[in-house]
Amino acid sequence: MLGALLFVNGAAQAPLLVLAYLGTDRAATTADRTVASTWINTAWNAGAALGASIAGVGVSSSGPAFAFGLGAGIALLASAVSLACRRHLSEPVAVESSDLAG
């Protein structure tokens, strides 16, 4: 079961990053695109490092149930935020082929 969950998690990461970078490119000015993309990368890496360190400390002190519970809580929080913001997330954005070419 854990292997299946890790597979789904890994399969979702690439599309998530693609959407984050495309959304950032769309929202940022031409002069700020590099900086904006750097912030996406920094946030991703900082979140992964922080999550791994908290899970490691929790597993060492409380056992694996802590890490699974924390992960489930974070997933529920992210789902709640996504549902609360769905009006903004569902607005279609036209993307021209020249935007994708860079």
N, C-alpha and C. Protein backbone atom coordinates (compact mmCIF):
# COMPACT_ATOMS: atom_id res chain seq x y z
N MET A 1 0.83 -1.19 0.00
CA MET A 1 0.00 0.00 0.00
C MET A 1 0.88 1.26 0.00
N LEU A 2 1.93 1.25 0.81
CA LEU A 2 2.82 2.40 0.85
C LEU A 2 3.49 2.63 -0.51
N GLY A 3 3.87 1.55 -1.16
CA GLY A 3 4.48 1.67 -2.49
C GLY A 3 3.54 2.30 -3.49
N ALA A 4 2.27 1.93 -3.44
CA ALA A 4 1.28 2.52 -4.35
C ALA A 4 1.09 4.00 -4.05
N LEU A 5 1.04 4.37 -2.78
CA LEU A 5 0.91 5.78 -2.42
C LEU A 5 2.13 6.59 -2.85
N LEU A 6 3.31 6.01 -2.68
CA LEU A 6 4.53 6.71 -3.11
C LEU A 6 4.56 6.87 -4.63
N PHE A 7 4.06 5.86 -5.35
CA PHE A 7 4.00 5.95 -6.81
C PHE A 7 3.07 7.09 -7.24
N VAL A 8 1.90 7.16 -6.63
CA VAL A 8 0.95 8.23 -6.97
C VAL A 8 1.55 9.60 -6.64
N ASN A 9 2.19 9.68 -5.49
CA ASN A 9 2.83 10.94 -5.10
C ASN A 9 3.90 11.35 -6.12
N GLY A 10 4.74 10.42 -6.48
CA GLY A 10 5.80 10.73 -7.45
C GLY A 10 5.25 11.09 -8.82
N ALA A 11 4.19 10.40 -9.23
CA ALA A 11 3.58 10.68 -10.54
C ALA A 11 2.92 12.05 -10.57
N ALA A 12 2.49 12.55 -9.42
CA ALA A 12 1.83 13.85 -9.37
C ALA A 12 2.82 15.01 -9.28
N GLN A 13 4.05 14.75 -8.91
CA GLN A 13 5.00 15.84 -8.70
C GLN A 13 5.39 16.55 -9.99
N ALA A 14 5.66 15.82 -11.05
CA ALA A 14 6.06 16.46 -12.29
C ALA A 14 4.98 17.38 -12.86
N PRO A 15 3.71 16.93 -12.96
CA PRO A 15 2.68 17.85 -13.44
C PRO A 15 2.49 19.06 -12.53
N LEU A 16 2.63 18.85 -11.23
CA LEU A 16 2.50 19.96 -10.29
C LEU A 16 3.57 21.01 -10.54
N LEU A 17 4.80 20.56 -10.72
CA LEU A 17 5.89 21.51 -10.99
C LEU A 17 5.71 22.21 -12.34
N VAL A 18 5.26 21.47 -13.34
CA VAL A 18 5.01 22.09 -14.65
C VAL A 18 3.98 23.20 -14.52
N LEU A 19 2.88 22.91 -13.81
CA LEU A 19 1.84 23.93 -13.62
C LEU A 19 2.36 25.11 -12.80
N ALA A 20 3.17 24.85 -11.81
CA ALA A 20 3.72 25.93 -11.00
C ALA A 20 4.62 26.84 -11.84
N TYR A 21 5.48 26.24 -12.64
CA TYR A 21 6.38 27.05 -13.48
C TYR A 21 5.61 27.80 -14.57
N LEU A 22 4.64 27.15 -15.22
CA LEU A 22 3.86 27.82 -16.25
C LEU A 22 3.02 28.95 -15.66
N GLY A 23 2.42 28.70 -14.50
CA GLY A 23 1.64 29.76 -13.85
C GLY A 23 2.51 30.93 -13.44
N THR A 24 3.69 30.65 -12.95
CA THR A 24 4.62 31.71 -12.56
C THR A 24 5.08 32.49 -13.78
N ASP A 25 5.40 31.79 -14.86
CA ASP A 25 5.80 32.48 -16.09
C ASP A 25 4.68 33.38 -16.60
N ARG A 26 3.46 32.92 -16.46
CA ARG A 26 2.31 33.68 -16.94
C ARG A 26 2.06 34.91 -16.08
N ALA A 27 2.27 34.78 -14.76
CA ALA A 27 1.97 35.88 -13.84
C ALA A 27 3.10 36.89 -13.73
N ALA A 28 4.33 36.46 -13.95
CA ALA A 28 5.48 37.35 -13.77
C ALA A 28 5.76 38.14 -15.05
N THR A 29 6.37 39.28 -14.86
CA THR A 29 6.80 40.06 -16.01
C THR A 29 8.00 39.37 -16.65
N THR A 30 8.31 39.75 -17.86
CA THR A 30 9.42 39.14 -18.57
C THR A 30 10.73 39.30 -17.80
N ALA A 31 10.92 40.45 -17.19
CA ALA A 31 12.15 40.71 -16.45
C ALA A 31 12.24 39.90 -15.16
N ASP A 32 11.11 39.49 -14.61
CA ASP A 32 11.09 38.80 -13.32
C ASP A 32 10.89 37.29 -13.42
N ARG A 33 10.83 36.74 -14.62
CA ARG A 33 10.55 35.31 -14.76
C ARG A 33 11.62 34.42 -14.14
N THR A 34 12.87 34.77 -14.29
CA THR A 34 13.94 33.95 -13.72
C THR A 34 13.87 33.95 -12.21
N VAL A 35 13.65 35.11 -11.63
CA VAL A 35 13.54 35.21 -10.18
C VAL A 35 12.33 34.43 -9.68
N ALA A 36 11.21 34.55 -10.37
CA ALA A 36 10.00 33.84 -9.97
C ALA A 36 10.20 32.33 -10.04
N SER A 37 10.85 31.86 -11.09
CA SER A 37 11.11 30.42 -11.21
C SER A 37 12.07 29.95 -10.13
N THR A 38 13.01 30.78 -9.76
CA THR A 38 13.93 30.44 -8.68
C THR A 38 13.19 30.29 -7.36
N TRP A 39 12.19 31.15 -7.13
CA TRP A 39 11.40 31.05 -5.90
C TRP A 39 10.59 29.76 -5.87
N ILE A 40 10.07 29.33 -7.02
CA ILE A 40 9.34 28.06 -7.08
C ILE A 40 10.28 26.93 -6.68
N ASN A 41 11.46 26.91 -7.24
CA ASN A 41 12.44 25.86 -6.94
C ASN A 41 12.85 25.91 -5.47
N THR A 42 13.09 27.10 -4.95
CA THR A 42 13.48 27.24 -3.55
C THR A 42 12.38 26.76 -2.61
N ALA A 43 11.13 27.14 -2.90
CA ALA A 43 10.01 26.72 -2.05
C ALA A 43 9.85 25.20 -2.09
N TRP A 44 9.98 24.60 -3.26
CA TRP A 44 9.85 23.15 -3.39
C TRP A 44 10.92 22.44 -2.56
N ASN A 45 12.17 22.86 -2.71
CA ASN A 45 13.27 22.22 -1.98
C ASN A 45 13.19 22.47 -0.48
N ALA A 46 12.82 23.68 -0.08
CA ALA A 46 12.69 23.97 1.35
C ALA A 46 11.55 23.16 1.96
N GLY A 47 10.45 23.04 1.25
CA GLY A 47 9.33 22.24 1.75
C GLY A 47 9.70 20.78 1.89
N ALA A 48 10.41 20.25 0.91
CA ALA A 48 10.83 18.84 0.98
C ALA A 48 11.80 18.62 2.14
N ALA A 49 12.74 19.52 2.32
CA ALA A 49 13.71 19.38 3.41
C ALA A 49 13.03 19.51 4.78
N LEU A 50 12.15 20.49 4.90
CA LEU A 50 11.45 20.69 6.17
C LEU A 50 10.55 19.49 6.48
N GLY A 51 9.81 19.03 5.48
CA GLY A 51 8.94 17.87 5.68
C GLY A 51 9.71 16.62 6.06
N ALA A 52 10.84 16.39 5.42
CA ALA A 52 11.64 15.21 5.72
C ALA A 52 12.22 15.30 7.13
N SER A 53 12.66 16.47 7.53
CA SER A 53 13.24 16.61 8.86
C SER A 53 12.18 16.46 9.95
N ILE A 54 11.00 17.04 9.75
CA ILE A 54 9.92 16.90 10.74
C ILE A 54 9.47 15.44 10.82
N ALA A 55 9.31 14.81 9.68
CA ALA A 55 8.91 13.39 9.67
C ALA A 55 9.97 12.52 10.35
N GLY A 56 11.23 12.81 10.10
CA GLY A 56 12.31 12.02 10.72
C GLY A 56 12.32 12.15 12.23
N VAL A 57 12.18 13.37 12.72
CA VAL A 57 12.14 13.58 14.17
C VAL A 57 10.90 12.92 14.76
N GLY A 58 9.77 13.06 14.08
CA GLY A 58 8.53 12.45 14.57
C GLY A 58 8.59 10.95 14.61
N VAL A 59 9.15 10.33 13.57
CA VAL A 59 9.26 8.88 13.53
C VAL A 59 10.21 8.40 14.63
N SER A 60 11.30 9.14 14.84
CA SER A 60 12.25 8.75 15.88
C SER A 60 11.63 8.81 17.27
N SER A 61 10.79 9.80 17.50
CA SER A 61 10.24 9.96 18.84
C SER A 61 8.89 9.30 19.05
N SER A 62 8.06 9.24 18.02
CA SER A 62 6.69 8.75 18.19
C SER A 62 6.34 7.54 17.34
N GLY A 63 7.19 7.17 16.44
CA GLY A 63 6.88 6.04 15.57
C GLY A 63 6.29 6.50 14.25
N PRO A 64 6.10 5.58 13.33
CA PRO A 64 5.63 5.92 11.99
C PRO A 64 4.23 6.52 11.94
N ALA A 65 3.40 6.23 12.93
CA ALA A 65 2.03 6.76 12.92
C ALA A 65 2.04 8.29 12.90
N PHE A 66 3.02 8.90 13.57
CA PHE A 66 3.13 10.35 13.58
C PHE A 66 3.33 10.90 12.17
N ALA A 67 4.28 10.31 11.44
CA ALA A 67 4.58 10.80 10.09
C ALA A 67 3.38 10.62 9.16
N PHE A 68 2.70 9.48 9.24
CA PHE A 68 1.53 9.26 8.40
C PHE A 68 0.40 10.22 8.78
N GLY A 69 0.20 10.43 10.07
CA GLY A 69 -0.83 11.37 10.52
C GLY A 69 -0.53 12.79 10.09
N LEU A 70 0.73 13.20 10.21
CA LEU A 70 1.12 14.54 9.79
C LEU A 70 0.93 14.71 8.29
N GLY A 71 1.34 13.70 7.52
CA GLY A 71 1.16 13.76 6.07
C GLY A 71 -0.31 13.86 5.69
N ALA A 72 -1.14 13.08 6.36
CA ALA A 72 -2.58 13.12 6.09
C ALA A 72 -3.16 14.48 6.45
N GLY A 73 -2.71 15.05 7.57
CA GLY A 73 -3.19 16.37 7.97
C GLY A 73 -2.80 17.45 6.98
N ILE A 74 -1.58 17.39 6.50
CA ILE A 74 -1.12 18.37 5.51
C ILE A 74 -1.90 18.21 4.20
N ALA A 75 -2.15 16.96 3.80
CA ALA A 75 -2.93 16.73 2.57
C ALA A 75 -4.35 17.27 2.72
N LEU A 76 -4.96 17.08 3.88
CA LEU A 76 -6.30 17.62 4.12
C LEU A 76 -6.30 19.14 4.11
N LEU A 77 -5.28 19.74 4.72
CA LEU A 77 -5.18 21.20 4.71
C LEU A 77 -5.01 21.73 3.29
N ALA A 78 -4.15 21.09 2.50
CA ALA A 78 -3.96 21.51 1.12
C ALA A 78 -5.24 21.36 0.30
N SER A 79 -5.98 20.29 0.56
CA SER A 79 -7.26 20.09 -0.14
C SER A 79 -8.26 21.17 0.24
N ALA A 80 -8.30 21.53 1.52
CA ALA A 80 -9.23 22.57 1.97
C ALA A 80 -8.88 23.92 1.35
N VAL A 81 -7.59 24.24 1.28
CA VAL A 81 -7.17 25.50 0.65
C VAL A 81 -7.51 25.49 -0.83
N SER A 82 -7.28 24.36 -1.50
CA SER A 82 -7.61 24.26 -2.93
C SER A 82 -9.10 24.44 -3.17
N LEU A 83 -9.92 23.82 -2.33
CA LEU A 83 -11.37 23.97 -2.48
C LEU A 83 -11.82 25.40 -2.21
N ALA A 84 -11.20 26.04 -1.24
CA ALA A 84 -11.55 27.42 -0.93
C ALA A 84 -11.15 28.37 -2.06
N CYS A 85 -10.12 28.01 -2.79
CA CYS A 85 -9.62 28.87 -3.87
C CYS A 85 -10.04 28.38 -5.25
N ARG A 86 -10.96 27.43 -5.32
CA ARG A 86 -11.29 26.83 -6.61
C ARG A 86 -11.84 27.81 -7.62
N ARG A 87 -12.47 28.88 -7.16
CA ARG A 87 -12.99 29.88 -8.09
C ARG A 87 -11.84 30.49 -8.88
N HIS A 88 -10.73 30.77 -8.22
CA HIS A 88 -9.58 31.36 -8.89
C HIS A 88 -8.81 30.32 -9.69
N LEU A 89 -8.83 29.08 -9.21
CA LEU A 89 -8.09 28.03 -9.90
C LEU A 89 -8.78 27.54 -11.16
N SER A 90 -10.11 27.74 -11.24
CA SER A 90 -10.84 27.20 -12.39
C SER A 90 -11.00 28.20 -13.53
N GLU A 91 -10.50 29.42 -13.36
CA GLU A 91 -10.60 30.39 -14.44
C GLU A 91 -9.67 29.98 -15.57
N PRO A 92 -10.19 29.81 -16.78
CA PRO A 92 -9.34 29.38 -17.89
C PRO A 92 -8.35 30.48 -18.28
N VAL A 93 -7.18 30.06 -18.65
CA VAL A 93 -6.14 30.98 -19.10
C VAL A 93 -5.72 30.54 -20.48
N ALA A 94 -5.79 31.45 -21.43
CA ALA A 94 -5.38 31.14 -22.79
C ALA A 94 -3.85 31.14 -22.86
N VAL A 95 -3.29 30.09 -23.39
CA VAL A 95 -1.84 29.98 -23.55
C VAL A 95 -1.56 29.88 -25.04
N GLU A 96 -0.73 30.80 -25.50
CA GLU A 96 -0.35 30.78 -26.92
C GLU A 96 0.86 29.89 -27.11
N SER A 97 1.01 29.35 -28.30
CA SER A 97 2.14 28.48 -28.55
C SER A 97 3.47 29.21 -28.42
N SER A 98 3.49 30.52 -28.66
CA SER A 98 4.73 31.29 -28.49
C SER A 98 5.13 31.36 -27.02
N ASP A 99 4.14 31.30 -26.09
CA ASP A 99 4.46 31.30 -24.66
C ASP A 99 5.16 30.02 -24.25
N LEU A 100 4.82 28.90 -24.86
CA LEU A 100 5.40 27.63 -24.52
C LEU A 100 6.79 27.46 -25.10
N ALA A 101 7.08 28.14 -26.20
CA ALA A 101 8.39 28.00 -26.85
C ALA A 101 9.48 28.73 -26.08
N GLY A 102 9.10 29.68 -25.24
CA GLY A 102 10.10 30.37 -24.43
C GLY A 102 10.48 31.61 -25.09
